Amino acid sequence: MTIAVCMGSSCHVKGAKTIIELLKEKIKANNLEDKVILTGTICLGQCASGGANMKIDDEIVTGITRENFDNFFAEKVLTKLK
């Protein structure tokens, strides 16, 4: 699985750096280092969302915040890998 977090200015302001740190922590805590490639990407064209945006393989996921991160990770990452 490849997770590409938007590094554009809008997502940066909406907490992309925090989301990247949370992703790193969860990937390590769940021993997924050999299953997940974490990278950055340019704008995904979803700037109106309420949080950071990313692309997981071919799916664009929008509006990720610290508050909804755990649900996002369980639904979009763990269910696909475990």
N, C-alpha and C. Protein backbone atom coordinates (compact mmCIF):
# COMPACT_ATOMS: atom_id res chain seq x y z
N MET A 1 0.85 -1.18 0.00
CA MET A 1 0.00 0.00 0.00
C MET A 1 0.90 1.23 0.00
N THR A 2 0.54 2.19 -0.84
CA THR A 2 1.23 3.47 -0.86
C THR A 2 0.29 4.56 -0.38
N ILE A 3 0.73 5.32 0.61
CA ILE A 3 -0.03 6.45 1.13
C ILE A 3 0.76 7.71 0.79
N ALA A 4 0.17 8.57 -0.05
CA ALA A 4 0.81 9.81 -0.46
C ALA A 4 0.03 10.98 0.12
N VAL A 5 0.63 11.67 1.08
CA VAL A 5 -0.02 12.78 1.75
C VAL A 5 0.25 14.06 0.96
N CYS A 6 -0.80 14.84 0.73
CA CYS A 6 -0.67 16.11 0.02
C CYS A 6 0.22 17.05 0.81
N MET A 7 1.17 17.66 0.11
CA MET A 7 2.09 18.60 0.73
C MET A 7 1.84 20.03 0.24
N GLY A 8 0.70 20.25 -0.41
CA GLY A 8 0.36 21.58 -0.89
C GLY A 8 0.10 22.53 0.27
N SER A 9 0.07 23.82 -0.04
CA SER A 9 -0.06 24.82 1.01
C SER A 9 -1.37 24.70 1.78
N SER A 10 -2.47 24.38 1.11
CA SER A 10 -3.76 24.25 1.79
C SER A 10 -3.74 23.09 2.80
N CYS A 11 -3.25 21.95 2.37
CA CYS A 11 -3.17 20.80 3.28
C CYS A 11 -2.16 21.04 4.39
N HIS A 12 -1.09 21.73 4.08
CA HIS A 12 -0.10 22.06 5.11
C HIS A 12 -0.76 22.87 6.23
N VAL A 13 -1.53 23.87 5.85
CA VAL A 13 -2.22 24.71 6.82
C VAL A 13 -3.25 23.90 7.61
N LYS A 14 -3.84 22.91 6.97
CA LYS A 14 -4.88 22.09 7.61
C LYS A 14 -4.31 20.91 8.39
N GLY A 15 -2.99 20.84 8.56
CA GLY A 15 -2.41 19.84 9.46
C GLY A 15 -1.76 18.64 8.82
N ALA A 16 -1.34 18.74 7.57
CA ALA A 16 -0.72 17.58 6.91
C ALA A 16 0.49 17.07 7.68
N LYS A 17 1.29 17.97 8.25
CA LYS A 17 2.47 17.55 9.00
C LYS A 17 2.07 16.68 10.20
N THR A 18 1.04 17.08 10.89
CA THR A 18 0.54 16.28 12.02
C THR A 18 0.04 14.92 11.55
N ILE A 19 -0.67 14.90 10.43
CA ILE A 19 -1.19 13.64 9.89
C ILE A 19 -0.05 12.71 9.51
N ILE A 20 1.01 13.25 8.94
CA ILE A 20 2.18 12.43 8.60
C ILE A 20 2.78 11.82 9.86
N GLU A 21 2.91 12.61 10.91
CA GLU A 21 3.45 12.08 12.17
C GLU A 21 2.56 10.99 12.75
N LEU A 22 1.24 11.20 12.70
CA LEU A 22 0.31 10.19 13.19
C LEU A 22 0.40 8.92 12.35
N LEU A 23 0.53 9.06 11.04
CA LEU A 23 0.69 7.90 10.17
C LEU A 23 1.95 7.12 10.53
N LYS A 24 3.05 7.82 10.71
CA LYS A 24 4.31 7.15 11.08
C LYS A 24 4.14 6.36 12.37
N GLU A 25 3.50 6.98 13.37
CA GLU A 25 3.29 6.31 14.66
C GLU A 25 2.43 5.07 14.50
N LYS A 26 1.31 5.18 13.80
CA LYS A 26 0.38 4.05 13.64
C LYS A 26 0.98 2.94 12.79
N ILE A 27 1.72 3.30 11.76
CA ILE A 27 2.37 2.29 10.92
C ILE A 27 3.36 1.48 11.76
N LYS A 28 4.14 2.17 12.57
CA LYS A 28 5.11 1.48 13.43
C LYS A 28 4.41 0.65 14.51
N ALA A 29 3.41 1.22 15.16
CA ALA A 29 2.70 0.53 16.24
C ALA A 29 2.01 -0.74 15.75
N ASN A 30 1.61 -0.75 14.48
CA ASN A 30 0.92 -1.91 13.92
C ASN A 30 1.84 -2.81 13.09
N ASN A 31 3.15 -2.55 13.19
CA ASN A 31 4.15 -3.35 12.47
C ASN A 31 3.86 -3.45 10.98
N LEU A 32 3.57 -2.31 10.37
CA LEU A 32 3.21 -2.27 8.95
C LEU A 32 4.33 -1.67 8.09
N GLU A 33 5.52 -1.53 8.65
CA GLU A 33 6.60 -0.88 7.91
C GLU A 33 6.91 -1.56 6.58
N ASP A 34 6.73 -2.88 6.52
CA ASP A 34 7.02 -3.60 5.29
C ASP A 34 5.82 -3.67 4.34
N LYS A 35 4.68 -3.10 4.77
CA LYS A 35 3.47 -3.15 3.96
C LYS A 35 3.01 -1.78 3.46
N VAL A 36 3.54 -0.70 4.05
CA VAL A 36 3.10 0.65 3.71
C VAL A 36 4.28 1.51 3.29
N ILE A 37 4.13 2.17 2.16
CA ILE A 37 5.09 3.17 1.71
C ILE A 37 4.43 4.52 1.95
N LEU A 38 5.07 5.36 2.75
CA LEU A 38 4.55 6.69 3.07
C LEU A 38 5.36 7.72 2.29
N THR A 39 4.64 8.55 1.55
CA THR A 39 5.31 9.55 0.71
C THR A 39 4.47 10.82 0.65
N GLY A 40 5.01 11.83 0.01
CA GLY A 40 4.27 13.07 -0.19
C GLY A 40 3.87 13.20 -1.65
N THR A 41 2.94 14.09 -1.91
CA THR A 41 2.49 14.35 -3.26
C THR A 41 2.14 15.83 -3.40
N ILE A 42 2.00 16.26 -4.63
CA ILE A 42 1.55 17.62 -4.87
C ILE A 42 0.04 17.69 -4.73
N CYS A 43 -0.54 18.82 -4.93
CA CYS A 43 -1.97 19.05 -4.73
C CYS A 43 -2.82 18.00 -5.43
N LEU A 44 -3.81 17.50 -4.71
CA LEU A 44 -4.75 16.52 -5.25
C LEU A 44 -6.03 17.16 -5.73
N GLY A 45 -6.11 18.49 -5.68
CA GLY A 45 -7.28 19.20 -6.19
C GLY A 45 -8.50 19.12 -5.31
N GLN A 46 -8.32 18.85 -4.03
CA GLN A 46 -9.42 18.71 -3.08
C GLN A 46 -9.28 19.73 -1.95
N CYS A 47 -8.84 20.91 -2.27
CA CYS A 47 -8.48 21.91 -1.26
C CYS A 47 -9.65 22.38 -0.40
N ALA A 48 -10.86 22.18 -0.83
CA ALA A 48 -12.02 22.64 -0.07
C ALA A 48 -12.37 21.72 1.10
N SER A 49 -11.72 20.58 1.20
CA SER A 49 -12.04 19.64 2.28
C SER A 49 -11.62 20.24 3.62
N GLY A 50 -12.14 19.69 4.69
CA GLY A 50 -11.90 20.24 6.02
C GLY A 50 -10.64 19.76 6.70
N GLY A 51 -9.74 19.13 5.99
CA GLY A 51 -8.51 18.64 6.59
C GLY A 51 -7.51 18.28 5.52
N ALA A 52 -6.51 17.52 5.90
CA ALA A 52 -5.48 17.10 4.95
C ALA A 52 -6.04 16.04 4.00
N ASN A 53 -5.46 15.99 2.81
CA ASN A 53 -5.88 15.02 1.80
C ASN A 53 -4.73 14.10 1.48
N MET A 54 -5.06 12.92 1.00
CA MET A 54 -4.04 11.95 0.63
C MET A 54 -4.59 11.00 -0.41
N LYS A 55 -3.67 10.26 -0.98
CA LYS A 55 -4.05 9.23 -1.94
C LYS A 55 -3.53 7.91 -1.40
N ILE A 56 -4.44 6.95 -1.27
CA ILE A 56 -4.07 5.61 -0.83
C ILE A 56 -4.22 4.71 -2.04
N ASP A 57 -3.09 4.26 -2.54
CA ASP A 57 -3.04 3.57 -3.83
C ASP A 57 -3.74 4.45 -4.86
N ASP A 58 -4.90 4.08 -5.37
CA ASP A 58 -5.58 4.89 -6.38
C ASP A 58 -6.77 5.67 -5.83
N GLU A 59 -7.01 5.63 -4.53
CA GLU A 59 -8.17 6.29 -3.93
C GLU A 59 -7.77 7.59 -3.24
N ILE A 60 -8.45 8.68 -3.60
CA ILE A 60 -8.23 9.96 -2.91
C ILE A 60 -9.10 9.99 -1.66
N VAL A 61 -8.48 10.31 -0.54
CA VAL A 61 -9.15 10.41 0.75
C VAL A 61 -9.00 11.85 1.22
N THR A 62 -10.10 12.48 1.59
CA THR A 62 -10.07 13.90 1.92
C THR A 62 -10.50 14.17 3.36
N GLY A 63 -10.10 15.33 3.86
CA GLY A 63 -10.59 15.83 5.14
C GLY A 63 -10.08 15.11 6.37
N ILE A 64 -8.84 14.64 6.34
CA ILE A 64 -8.30 13.92 7.50
C ILE A 64 -7.76 14.93 8.51
N THR A 65 -8.24 14.80 9.74
CA THR A 65 -7.83 15.67 10.84
C THR A 65 -7.35 14.81 12.00
N ARG A 66 -6.75 15.45 12.98
CA ARG A 66 -6.34 14.73 14.20
C ARG A 66 -7.56 14.03 14.83
N GLU A 67 -8.70 14.71 14.79
CA GLU A 67 -9.91 14.19 15.44
C GLU A 67 -10.47 12.94 14.75
N ASN A 68 -10.39 12.86 13.45
CA ASN A 68 -10.95 11.69 12.76
C ASN A 68 -9.88 10.71 12.29
N PHE A 69 -8.64 10.95 12.69
CA PHE A 69 -7.54 10.12 12.20
C PHE A 69 -7.68 8.65 12.57
N ASP A 70 -7.99 8.34 13.82
CA ASP A 70 -8.06 6.94 14.24
C ASP A 70 -9.10 6.17 13.44
N ASN A 71 -10.28 6.76 13.22
CA ASN A 71 -11.30 6.10 12.41
C ASN A 71 -10.83 5.91 10.98
N PHE A 72 -10.22 6.96 10.42
CA PHE A 72 -9.68 6.88 9.06
C PHE A 72 -8.68 5.73 8.96
N PHE A 73 -7.74 5.66 9.89
CA PHE A 73 -6.68 4.65 9.82
C PHE A 73 -7.27 3.24 9.92
N ALA A 74 -8.21 3.06 10.81
CA ALA A 74 -8.83 1.74 10.96
C ALA A 74 -9.59 1.34 9.70
N GLU A 75 -10.34 2.27 9.13
CA GLU A 75 -11.19 1.95 7.98
C GLU A 75 -10.42 1.86 6.66
N LYS A 76 -9.48 2.76 6.45
CA LYS A 76 -8.83 2.85 5.15
C LYS A 76 -7.49 2.13 5.06
N VAL A 77 -6.87 1.88 6.20
CA VAL A 77 -5.56 1.24 6.18
C VAL A 77 -5.62 -0.17 6.77
N LEU A 78 -6.00 -0.26 8.03
CA LEU A 78 -5.97 -1.56 8.70
C LEU A 78 -6.87 -2.59 8.04
N THR A 79 -8.08 -2.21 7.67
CA THR A 79 -9.00 -3.19 7.08
C THR A 79 -8.47 -3.73 5.75
N LYS A 80 -7.66 -2.97 5.06
CA LYS A 80 -7.11 -3.42 3.78
C LYS A 80 -5.84 -4.25 3.93
N LEU A 81 -5.19 -4.15 5.08
CA LEU A 81 -3.90 -4.82 5.25
C LEU A 81 -3.94 -6.00 6.21
N LYS A 82 -4.94 -6.07 7.04
CA LYS A 82 -4.95 -7.16 8.04
C LYS A 82 -6.00 -8.18 7.72
